[in-house]
Amino acid sequence: QLKALNLSRSWLMVLMPHITSRIHRVHYGLLDEDAPSWKFEPRARRHFAVPFVGKDAPSDSSQFSHPDVVIGLTWLSYRLCGLRTSDFDTAMSKLLRQQRNEVEVAPRFRRAHRLYNAWVSAANGFVRGGIESDLTDDLPEEDVATLVLQESRRERRRAATTTFPSAQSQSGPMSA
């Protein structure tokens, strides 16, 4: 626990100010998949944040050297830009492959199906014919973390649809 505390302190005191002082698409960003050199870029440069030398001008070959800086800037880049088309296609193909590998379970109870429903629900969408259930017991911890957002949105929806009694119908010492 002490290591986690020290790591958190390091992130908050050293790395976070450095990362937030950088300007997205000027100092760092994700490579554009429409660039002619996309096919020739190494995987690390395709999927992680890279340094930029100017507005929308990634450096030719350099990368960030500190792994925590790479993680922070990559997370921030995806947070600000969203998934690229190729990233989305990769995620969906892996999800489809996982769905096809789970043949011993009914399709709507497969882990891949539930994870897809969680993603759609987290984006405030819904899956037609989907089921509203909390079958997260056998999901790995990282998938359960993804589902936390789904549950919080579900709770907000329930709270928004709950009707509260009007102030006039309440009686007691607090109604005045």
N, C-alpha and C. Protein backbone atom coordinates (compact mmCIF):
# COMPACT_ATOMS: atom_id res chain seq x y z
N GLN A 1 0.82 -1.19 0.00
CA GLN A 1 0.00 0.00 0.00
C GLN A 1 0.86 1.25 0.00
N LEU A 2 2.03 1.14 0.58
CA LEU A 2 2.93 2.28 0.60
C LEU A 2 3.44 2.59 -0.80
N LYS A 3 3.68 1.55 -1.61
CA LYS A 3 4.11 1.76 -2.99
C LYS A 3 3.03 2.48 -3.79
N ALA A 4 1.79 2.06 -3.60
CA ALA A 4 0.68 2.70 -4.31
C ALA A 4 0.55 4.16 -3.89
N LEU A 5 0.73 4.42 -2.62
CA LEU A 5 0.65 5.80 -2.13
C LEU A 5 1.77 6.66 -2.72
N ASN A 6 2.98 6.11 -2.77
CA ASN A 6 4.11 6.85 -3.36
C ASN A 6 3.91 7.06 -4.86
N LEU A 7 3.38 6.06 -5.54
CA LEU A 7 3.11 6.20 -6.97
C LEU A 7 2.04 7.27 -7.21
N SER A 8 1.02 7.28 -6.40
CA SER A 8 -0.03 8.31 -6.52
C SER A 8 0.54 9.70 -6.27
N ARG A 9 1.38 9.82 -5.27
CA ARG A 9 2.00 11.12 -4.98
C ARG A 9 2.87 11.56 -6.14
N SER A 10 3.64 10.63 -6.70
CA SER A 10 4.50 10.95 -7.83
C SER A 10 3.67 11.42 -9.03
N TRP A 11 2.56 10.74 -9.27
CA TRP A 11 1.69 11.14 -10.38
C TRP A 11 1.11 12.53 -10.16
N LEU A 12 0.62 12.78 -8.95
CA LEU A 12 -0.04 14.06 -8.69
C LEU A 12 0.94 15.23 -8.59
N MET A 13 2.10 15.01 -8.02
CA MET A 13 3.02 16.11 -7.77
C MET A 13 3.99 16.37 -8.93
N VAL A 14 4.34 15.34 -9.68
CA VAL A 14 5.37 15.50 -10.70
C VAL A 14 4.80 15.34 -12.11
N LEU A 15 4.16 14.20 -12.36
CA LEU A 15 3.75 13.90 -13.73
C LEU A 15 2.52 14.66 -14.18
N MET A 16 1.53 14.79 -13.33
CA MET A 16 0.30 15.47 -13.73
C MET A 16 0.53 16.92 -14.11
N PRO A 17 1.30 17.71 -13.35
CA PRO A 17 1.56 19.08 -13.80
C PRO A 17 2.30 19.13 -15.14
N HIS A 18 3.22 18.21 -15.34
CA HIS A 18 3.95 18.17 -16.61
C HIS A 18 3.01 17.83 -17.77
N ILE A 19 2.18 16.81 -17.57
CA ILE A 19 1.28 16.36 -18.64
C ILE A 19 0.24 17.43 -18.97
N THR A 20 -0.31 18.05 -17.95
CA THR A 20 -1.35 19.06 -18.21
C THR A 20 -0.78 20.37 -18.72
N SER A 21 0.54 20.57 -18.63
CA SER A 21 1.13 21.78 -19.19
C SER A 21 1.34 21.67 -20.70
N ARG A 22 1.26 20.48 -21.24
CA ARG A 22 1.42 20.25 -22.67
C ARG A 22 0.12 20.56 -23.40
N ILE A 23 0.21 21.04 -24.62
CA ILE A 23 -0.97 21.38 -25.42
C ILE A 23 -1.21 20.27 -26.43
N HIS A 24 -2.43 19.75 -26.42
CA HIS A 24 -2.80 18.65 -27.31
C HIS A 24 -2.73 19.10 -28.77
N ARG A 25 -2.20 18.23 -29.61
CA ARG A 25 -2.01 18.44 -31.06
C ARG A 25 -0.98 19.53 -31.36
N VAL A 26 -0.29 20.07 -30.33
CA VAL A 26 0.82 20.98 -30.56
C VAL A 26 2.10 20.35 -29.99
N HIS A 27 2.02 19.85 -28.75
CA HIS A 27 3.17 19.21 -28.12
C HIS A 27 3.11 17.69 -28.19
N TYR A 28 1.93 17.11 -28.30
CA TYR A 28 1.76 15.66 -28.33
C TYR A 28 0.44 15.33 -28.99
N GLY A 29 0.25 14.09 -29.31
CA GLY A 29 -1.02 13.64 -29.88
C GLY A 29 -0.87 12.25 -30.48
N LEU A 30 -1.95 11.75 -31.03
CA LEU A 30 -1.95 10.46 -31.71
C LEU A 30 -1.70 10.70 -33.19
N LEU A 31 -1.04 9.75 -33.82
CA LEU A 31 -0.80 9.87 -35.25
C LEU A 31 -2.11 9.72 -36.02
N ASP A 32 -2.21 10.42 -37.12
CA ASP A 32 -3.40 10.36 -37.96
C ASP A 32 -3.32 9.12 -38.83
N GLU A 33 -4.38 8.31 -38.80
CA GLU A 33 -4.35 7.07 -39.58
C GLU A 33 -4.46 7.32 -41.09
N ASP A 34 -4.80 8.53 -41.49
CA ASP A 34 -4.88 8.85 -42.91
C ASP A 34 -3.55 9.31 -43.49
N ALA A 35 -2.53 9.44 -42.65
CA ALA A 35 -1.21 9.89 -43.11
C ALA A 35 -0.58 8.82 -44.00
N PRO A 36 0.16 9.23 -45.02
CA PRO A 36 0.77 8.26 -45.92
C PRO A 36 1.78 7.34 -45.22
N SER A 37 2.40 7.80 -44.15
CA SER A 37 3.41 6.99 -43.47
C SER A 37 2.81 6.04 -42.43
N TRP A 38 1.48 6.01 -42.28
CA TRP A 38 0.82 5.19 -41.26
C TRP A 38 1.23 3.73 -41.35
N LYS A 39 1.29 3.18 -42.57
CA LYS A 39 1.61 1.76 -42.75
C LYS A 39 3.03 1.43 -42.31
N PHE A 40 3.92 2.39 -42.36
CA PHE A 40 5.32 2.14 -42.07
C PHE A 40 5.70 2.47 -40.63
N GLU A 41 4.77 3.01 -39.87
CA GLU A 41 5.06 3.38 -38.48
C GLU A 41 5.09 2.13 -37.60
N PRO A 42 6.02 2.08 -36.62
CA PRO A 42 5.99 0.96 -35.67
C PRO A 42 4.74 1.02 -34.80
N ARG A 43 4.38 -0.13 -34.24
CA ARG A 43 3.15 -0.22 -33.44
C ARG A 43 3.12 0.79 -32.30
N ALA A 44 4.25 0.98 -31.64
CA ALA A 44 4.29 1.90 -30.50
C ALA A 44 3.91 3.31 -30.93
N ARG A 45 4.34 3.72 -32.09
CA ARG A 45 3.99 5.07 -32.56
C ARG A 45 2.55 5.13 -33.06
N ARG A 46 1.98 4.02 -33.49
CA ARG A 46 0.59 4.03 -33.96
C ARG A 46 -0.41 4.15 -32.82
N HIS A 47 -0.10 3.52 -31.69
CA HIS A 47 -1.09 3.41 -30.62
C HIS A 47 -0.82 4.28 -29.41
N PHE A 48 0.37 4.84 -29.30
CA PHE A 48 0.70 5.68 -28.16
C PHE A 48 0.88 7.12 -28.61
N ALA A 49 0.80 8.03 -27.66
CA ALA A 49 1.01 9.44 -27.96
C ALA A 49 2.47 9.66 -28.38
N VAL A 50 2.65 10.54 -29.35
CA VAL A 50 3.99 10.87 -29.84
C VAL A 50 4.20 12.37 -29.71
N PRO A 51 5.46 12.81 -29.64
CA PRO A 51 5.73 14.25 -29.57
C PRO A 51 5.43 14.92 -30.91
N PHE A 52 4.97 16.15 -30.83
CA PHE A 52 4.72 16.94 -32.03
C PHE A 52 5.75 18.07 -32.08
N VAL A 53 6.10 18.51 -33.27
CA VAL A 53 7.04 19.62 -33.41
C VAL A 53 6.31 20.92 -33.70
N GLY A 54 5.03 20.87 -33.95
CA GLY A 54 4.20 22.04 -34.21
C GLY A 54 2.76 21.61 -34.31
N LYS A 55 1.88 22.53 -34.65
CA LYS A 55 0.45 22.23 -34.73
C LYS A 55 0.20 21.14 -35.77
N ASP A 56 -0.36 20.01 -35.33
CA ASP A 56 -0.67 18.85 -36.17
C ASP A 56 0.52 18.35 -36.97
N ALA A 57 1.72 18.46 -36.41
CA ALA A 57 2.93 17.99 -37.09
C ALA A 57 3.72 17.07 -36.17
N PRO A 58 3.44 15.76 -36.23
CA PRO A 58 4.18 14.84 -35.37
C PRO A 58 5.65 14.76 -35.79
N SER A 59 6.51 14.52 -34.81
CA SER A 59 7.93 14.35 -35.13
C SER A 59 8.09 13.07 -35.95
N ASP A 60 9.17 13.02 -36.72
CA ASP A 60 9.34 11.89 -37.64
C ASP A 60 9.58 10.57 -36.95
N SER A 61 10.41 10.56 -35.93
CA SER A 61 10.74 9.26 -35.34
C SER A 61 10.87 9.26 -33.83
N SER A 62 10.80 10.38 -33.17
CA SER A 62 11.03 10.38 -31.73
C SER A 62 9.79 9.93 -30.96
N GLN A 63 10.04 9.45 -29.75
CA GLN A 63 8.99 9.01 -28.84
C GLN A 63 9.31 9.53 -27.46
N PHE A 64 8.29 9.56 -26.58
CA PHE A 64 8.53 9.96 -25.20
C PHE A 64 9.30 8.84 -24.51
N SER A 65 10.27 9.20 -23.66
CA SER A 65 11.11 8.18 -23.04
C SER A 65 10.57 7.67 -21.71
N HIS A 66 9.85 8.49 -20.97
CA HIS A 66 9.36 8.07 -19.66
C HIS A 66 8.02 7.33 -19.85
N PRO A 67 7.93 6.08 -19.38
CA PRO A 67 6.70 5.31 -19.62
C PRO A 67 5.45 5.92 -18.98
N ASP A 68 5.60 6.54 -17.81
CA ASP A 68 4.43 7.16 -17.18
C ASP A 68 3.94 8.37 -17.97
N VAL A 69 4.85 9.09 -18.58
CA VAL A 69 4.46 10.23 -19.42
C VAL A 69 3.74 9.71 -20.66
N VAL A 70 4.23 8.62 -21.24
CA VAL A 70 3.58 8.02 -22.41
C VAL A 70 2.17 7.59 -22.05
N ILE A 71 2.00 6.95 -20.91
CA ILE A 71 0.68 6.48 -20.49
C ILE A 71 -0.25 7.68 -20.27
N GLY A 72 0.21 8.68 -19.56
CA GLY A 72 -0.63 9.84 -19.27
C GLY A 72 -1.03 10.60 -20.52
N LEU A 73 -0.07 10.85 -21.41
CA LEU A 73 -0.38 11.59 -22.63
C LEU A 73 -1.24 10.77 -23.60
N THR A 74 -1.04 9.46 -23.62
CA THR A 74 -1.87 8.61 -24.47
C THR A 74 -3.30 8.62 -23.96
N TRP A 75 -3.48 8.48 -22.64
CA TRP A 75 -4.83 8.51 -22.07
C TRP A 75 -5.50 9.85 -22.38
N LEU A 76 -4.76 10.93 -22.20
CA LEU A 76 -5.31 12.25 -22.47
C LEU A 76 -5.65 12.44 -23.94
N SER A 77 -4.82 11.91 -24.83
CA SER A 77 -5.09 12.01 -26.27
C SER A 77 -6.37 11.28 -26.65
N TYR A 78 -6.52 10.06 -26.15
CA TYR A 78 -7.75 9.32 -26.44
C TYR A 78 -8.95 9.99 -25.80
N ARG A 79 -8.76 10.56 -24.64
CA ARG A 79 -9.86 11.26 -23.95
C ARG A 79 -10.31 12.49 -24.74
N LEU A 80 -9.35 13.21 -25.32
CA LEU A 80 -9.69 14.43 -26.06
C LEU A 80 -10.15 14.16 -27.48
N CYS A 81 -9.57 13.15 -28.14
CA CYS A 81 -9.90 12.87 -29.55
C CYS A 81 -10.91 11.75 -29.72
N GLY A 82 -10.99 10.85 -28.77
CA GLY A 82 -11.84 9.69 -28.94
C GLY A 82 -11.11 8.60 -29.70
N LEU A 83 -11.80 7.50 -29.92
CA LEU A 83 -11.20 6.40 -30.66
C LEU A 83 -11.14 6.73 -32.14
N ARG A 84 -10.06 6.33 -32.77
CA ARG A 84 -9.96 6.45 -34.21
C ARG A 84 -10.72 5.28 -34.83
N THR A 85 -11.00 5.37 -36.11
CA THR A 85 -11.76 4.32 -36.79
C THR A 85 -11.04 2.98 -36.69
N SER A 86 -9.74 2.97 -36.88
CA SER A 86 -9.00 1.70 -36.82
C SER A 86 -9.02 1.12 -35.41
N ASP A 87 -8.98 1.97 -34.38
CA ASP A 87 -9.05 1.49 -33.00
C ASP A 87 -10.41 0.85 -32.72
N PHE A 88 -11.46 1.50 -33.21
CA PHE A 88 -12.80 0.96 -33.01
C PHE A 88 -12.95 -0.37 -33.74
N ASP A 89 -12.46 -0.44 -34.97
CA ASP A 89 -12.53 -1.69 -35.74
C ASP A 89 -11.78 -2.81 -35.04
N THR A 90 -10.62 -2.50 -34.48
CA THR A 90 -9.84 -3.50 -33.75
C THR A 90 -10.60 -4.00 -32.53
N ALA A 91 -11.19 -3.08 -31.78
CA ALA A 91 -11.95 -3.47 -30.58
C ALA A 91 -13.15 -4.35 -30.95
N MET A 92 -13.85 -3.98 -32.00
CA MET A 92 -15.02 -4.77 -32.40
C MET A 92 -14.62 -6.14 -32.94
N SER A 93 -13.51 -6.23 -33.68
CA SER A 93 -13.08 -7.54 -34.19
C SER A 93 -12.63 -8.45 -33.05
N LYS A 94 -11.97 -7.90 -32.04
CA LYS A 94 -11.57 -8.71 -30.89
C LYS A 94 -12.79 -9.16 -30.09
N LEU A 95 -13.76 -8.28 -29.97
CA LEU A 95 -15.00 -8.64 -29.26
C LEU A 95 -15.75 -9.73 -30.03
N LEU A 96 -15.80 -9.63 -31.34
CA LEU A 96 -16.45 -10.64 -32.16
C LEU A 96 -15.74 -11.98 -32.04
N ARG A 97 -14.40 -11.95 -32.06
CA ARG A 97 -13.63 -13.18 -31.92
C ARG A 97 -13.90 -13.82 -30.56
N GLN A 98 -13.98 -13.00 -29.52
CA GLN A 98 -14.26 -13.52 -28.19
C GLN A 98 -15.67 -14.10 -28.13
N GLN A 99 -16.62 -13.44 -28.77
CA GLN A 99 -18.01 -13.93 -28.81
C GLN A 99 -18.07 -15.29 -29.48
N ARG A 100 -17.34 -15.46 -30.56
CA ARG A 100 -17.35 -16.73 -31.30
C ARG A 100 -16.64 -17.85 -30.55
N ASN A 101 -15.69 -17.52 -29.70
CA ASN A 101 -14.96 -18.53 -28.94
C ASN A 101 -15.76 -19.06 -27.75
N GLU A 102 -16.76 -18.36 -27.31
CA GLU A 102 -17.55 -18.78 -26.15
C GLU A 102 -18.80 -19.52 -26.62
N VAL A 103 -18.63 -20.71 -27.15
CA VAL A 103 -19.76 -21.44 -27.73
C VAL A 103 -20.55 -22.23 -26.69
N GLU A 104 -19.98 -22.47 -25.52
CA GLU A 104 -20.67 -23.30 -24.52
C GLU A 104 -21.72 -22.52 -23.73
N VAL A 105 -21.79 -21.20 -23.91
CA VAL A 105 -22.73 -20.36 -23.16
C VAL A 105 -23.72 -19.75 -24.14
N ALA A 106 -24.95 -19.58 -23.68
CA ALA A 106 -25.96 -18.93 -24.53
C ALA A 106 -25.47 -17.53 -24.93
N PRO A 107 -25.75 -17.10 -26.16
CA PRO A 107 -25.18 -15.84 -26.66
C PRO A 107 -25.42 -14.63 -25.76
N ARG A 108 -26.58 -14.49 -25.20
CA ARG A 108 -26.84 -13.28 -24.41
C ARG A 108 -26.18 -13.30 -23.04
N PHE A 109 -25.63 -14.45 -22.64
CA PHE A 109 -24.94 -14.55 -21.36
C PHE A 109 -23.42 -14.59 -21.53
N ARG A 110 -22.95 -14.49 -22.75
CA ARG A 110 -21.51 -14.51 -22.99
C ARG A 110 -20.88 -13.22 -22.50
N ARG A 111 -19.64 -13.35 -22.06
CA ARG A 111 -18.90 -12.21 -21.53
C ARG A 111 -18.77 -11.09 -22.56
N ALA A 112 -18.51 -11.45 -23.80
CA ALA A 112 -18.35 -10.44 -24.85
C ALA A 112 -19.66 -9.69 -25.08
N HIS A 113 -20.77 -10.38 -25.03
CA HIS A 113 -22.08 -9.74 -25.20
C HIS A 113 -22.36 -8.76 -24.08
N ARG A 114 -22.06 -9.18 -22.86
CA ARG A 114 -22.31 -8.30 -21.71
C ARG A 114 -21.38 -7.09 -21.74
N LEU A 115 -20.14 -7.30 -22.17
CA LEU A 115 -19.19 -6.20 -22.26
C LEU A 115 -19.63 -5.19 -23.32
N TYR A 116 -20.10 -5.69 -24.46
CA TYR A 116 -20.61 -4.80 -25.52
C TYR A 116 -21.80 -4.00 -25.00
N ASN A 117 -22.72 -4.67 -24.30
CA ASN A 117 -23.87 -3.96 -23.73
C ASN A 117 -23.42 -2.90 -22.74
N ALA A 118 -22.38 -3.19 -21.96
CA ALA A 118 -21.86 -2.21 -21.00
C ALA A 118 -21.28 -1.01 -21.73
N TRP A 119 -20.56 -1.23 -22.83
CA TRP A 119 -20.00 -0.13 -23.60
C TRP A 119 -21.10 0.75 -24.17
N VAL A 120 -22.11 0.13 -24.74
CA VAL A 120 -23.21 0.89 -25.34
C VAL A 120 -23.95 1.67 -24.26
N SER A 121 -24.19 1.04 -23.14
CA SER A 121 -24.89 1.70 -22.04
C SER A 121 -24.06 2.86 -21.48
N ALA A 122 -22.74 2.69 -21.41
CA ALA A 122 -21.88 3.75 -20.92
C ALA A 122 -21.90 4.97 -21.84
N ALA A 123 -22.23 4.73 -23.10
CA ALA A 123 -22.33 5.83 -24.07
C ALA A 123 -23.76 6.36 -24.15
N ASN A 124 -24.58 6.05 -23.15
CA ASN A 124 -25.99 6.46 -23.09
C ASN A 124 -26.81 5.91 -24.23
N GLY A 125 -26.47 4.74 -24.70
CA GLY A 125 -27.24 4.07 -25.75
C GLY A 125 -27.93 2.85 -25.18
N PHE A 126 -28.56 2.10 -26.05
CA PHE A 126 -29.18 0.86 -25.63
C PHE A 126 -29.10 -0.14 -26.78
N VAL A 127 -29.13 -1.41 -26.42
CA VAL A 127 -29.10 -2.49 -27.41
C VAL A 127 -30.50 -3.04 -27.52
N ARG A 128 -31.02 -3.03 -28.72
CA ARG A 128 -32.37 -3.53 -28.93
C ARG A 128 -32.41 -5.01 -28.60
N GLY A 129 -33.35 -5.42 -27.80
CA GLY A 129 -33.48 -6.81 -27.41
C GLY A 129 -32.53 -7.21 -26.30
N GLY A 130 -31.77 -6.25 -25.75
CA GLY A 130 -30.83 -6.54 -24.68
C GLY A 130 -31.55 -6.77 -23.37
N ILE A 131 -30.86 -7.34 -22.43
CA ILE A 131 -31.44 -7.60 -21.11
C ILE A 131 -30.78 -6.68 -20.10
N GLU A 132 -31.53 -6.24 -19.15
CA GLU A 132 -31.01 -5.42 -18.04
C GLU A 132 -30.71 -6.37 -16.89
N SER A 133 -29.46 -6.72 -16.74
CA SER A 133 -29.10 -7.61 -15.63
C SER A 133 -27.74 -7.23 -15.10
N ASP A 134 -27.47 -7.71 -13.93
CA ASP A 134 -26.19 -7.44 -13.30
C ASP A 134 -25.40 -8.74 -13.20
N LEU A 135 -25.11 -9.35 -14.32
CA LEU A 135 -24.37 -10.61 -14.33
C LEU A 135 -22.88 -10.33 -14.45
N THR A 136 -22.32 -9.65 -13.47
CA THR A 136 -20.91 -9.28 -13.52
C THR A 136 -20.05 -10.14 -12.60
N ASP A 137 -20.62 -11.15 -11.97
CA ASP A 137 -19.87 -11.92 -10.98
C ASP A 137 -18.67 -12.64 -11.58
N ASP A 138 -18.83 -13.17 -12.81
CA ASP A 138 -17.74 -13.94 -13.38
C ASP A 138 -16.90 -13.15 -14.37
N LEU A 139 -17.10 -11.84 -14.45
CA LEU A 139 -16.26 -11.01 -15.32
C LEU A 139 -14.96 -10.68 -14.62
N PRO A 140 -13.85 -10.59 -15.36
CA PRO A 140 -12.60 -10.15 -14.73
C PRO A 140 -12.72 -8.74 -14.20
N GLU A 141 -11.80 -8.37 -13.33
CA GLU A 141 -11.88 -7.09 -12.64
C GLU A 141 -11.86 -5.89 -13.58
N GLU A 142 -11.07 -5.97 -14.68
CA GLU A 142 -11.02 -4.83 -15.59
C GLU A 142 -12.35 -4.64 -16.32
N ASP A 143 -13.06 -5.74 -16.59
CA ASP A 143 -14.37 -5.61 -17.22
C ASP A 143 -15.40 -5.08 -16.23
N VAL A 144 -15.29 -5.48 -14.98
CA VAL A 144 -16.18 -4.97 -13.95
C VAL A 144 -15.97 -3.47 -13.78
N ALA A 145 -14.72 -3.03 -13.88
CA ALA A 145 -14.45 -1.59 -13.80
C ALA A 145 -15.13 -0.85 -14.94
N THR A 146 -15.18 -1.46 -16.11
CA THR A 146 -15.88 -0.86 -17.23
C THR A 146 -17.38 -0.77 -16.95
N LEU A 147 -17.90 -1.77 -16.25
CA LEU A 147 -19.33 -1.81 -15.97
C LEU A 147 -19.74 -0.85 -14.86
N VAL A 148 -18.78 -0.33 -14.09
CA VAL A 148 -19.12 0.60 -13.01
C VAL A 148 -19.78 1.84 -13.59
N LEU A 149 -19.26 2.32 -14.70
CA LEU A 149 -19.85 3.48 -15.35
C LEU A 149 -21.28 3.19 -15.79
N GLN A 150 -21.50 1.99 -16.30
CA GLN A 150 -22.84 1.61 -16.71
C GLN A 150 -23.80 1.65 -15.52
N GLU A 151 -23.37 1.12 -14.40
CA GLU A 151 -24.23 1.10 -13.21
C GLU A 151 -24.53 2.50 -12.71
N SER A 152 -23.53 3.40 -12.73
CA SER A 152 -23.78 4.75 -12.26
C SER A 152 -24.76 5.48 -13.18
N ARG A 153 -24.67 5.23 -14.47
CA ARG A 153 -25.63 5.85 -15.39
C ARG A 153 -27.02 5.28 -15.20
N ARG A 154 -27.09 3.98 -14.92
CA ARG A 154 -28.38 3.36 -14.67
C ARG A 154 -29.02 3.97 -13.43
N GLU A 155 -28.21 4.21 -12.39
CA GLU A 155 -28.72 4.83 -11.16
C GLU A 155 -29.19 6.26 -11.44
N ARG A 156 -28.46 7.00 -12.26
CA ARG A 156 -28.89 8.36 -12.59
C ARG A 156 -30.21 8.34 -13.35
N ARG A 157 -30.37 7.37 -14.25
CA ARG A 157 -31.63 7.26 -14.97
C ARG A 157 -32.78 6.96 -14.01
N ARG A 158 -32.54 6.06 -13.07
CA ARG A 158 -33.58 5.73 -12.08
C ARG A 158 -33.93 6.96 -11.24
N ALA A 159 -32.90 7.71 -10.83
CA ALA A 159 -33.15 8.89 -10.02
C ALA A 159 -33.90 9.95 -10.81
N ALA A 160 -33.63 10.05 -12.10
CA ALA A 160 -34.30 11.06 -12.92
C ALA A 160 -35.76 10.71 -13.14
N THR A 161 -36.09 9.42 -13.15
CA THR A 161 -37.47 9.03 -13.39
C THR A 161 -38.28 8.89 -12.11
N THR A 162 -37.61 8.96 -10.95
CA THR A 162 -38.31 8.88 -9.68
C THR A 162 -39.05 10.18 -9.43
N THR A 163 -40.32 10.06 -9.06
CA THR A 163 -41.09 11.26 -8.76
C THR A 163 -41.04 11.51 -7.27
N PHE A 164 -40.83 12.73 -6.92
CA PHE A 164 -40.77 13.12 -5.52
C PHE A 164 -42.08 13.79 -5.14
N PRO A 165 -42.54 13.59 -3.89
CA PRO A 165 -43.78 14.25 -3.46
C PRO A 165 -43.58 15.76 -3.43
N SER A 166 -44.61 16.46 -3.75
CA SER A 166 -44.50 17.91 -3.76
C SER A 166 -44.41 18.45 -2.34
N ALA A 167 -43.92 19.65 -2.21
CA ALA A 167 -43.72 20.26 -0.89
C ALA A 167 -45.05 20.51 -0.21
N GLN A 168 -46.12 20.71 -0.98
CA GLN A 168 -47.43 20.98 -0.38
C GLN A 168 -48.00 19.75 0.29
N SER A 169 -47.70 18.56 -0.23
CA SER A 169 -48.29 17.38 0.36
C SER A 169 -47.52 16.90 1.58
N GLN A 170 -46.34 17.45 1.84
CA GLN A 170 -45.59 17.05 3.01
C GLN A 170 -46.11 17.80 4.24
N SER A 171 -46.13 17.10 5.30
CA SER A 171 -46.53 17.75 6.53
C SER A 171 -45.51 17.44 7.60
N GLY A 172 -45.38 18.32 8.53
CA GLY A 172 -44.43 18.10 9.60
C GLY A 172 -43.65 19.38 9.87
N PRO A 173 -42.69 19.32 10.78
CA PRO A 173 -41.98 20.51 11.19
C PRO A 173 -41.09 21.08 10.10
N MET A 174 -40.65 20.28 9.11
CA MET A 174 -39.75 20.76 8.08
C MET A 174 -40.49 21.32 6.86
N SER A 175 -41.81 21.29 6.84
CA SER A 175 -42.54 21.70 5.63
C SER A 175 -42.73 23.20 5.53
N ALA A 176 -42.39 23.97 6.52
CA ALA A 176 -42.61 25.40 6.47
C ALA A 176 -41.55 26.15 5.81
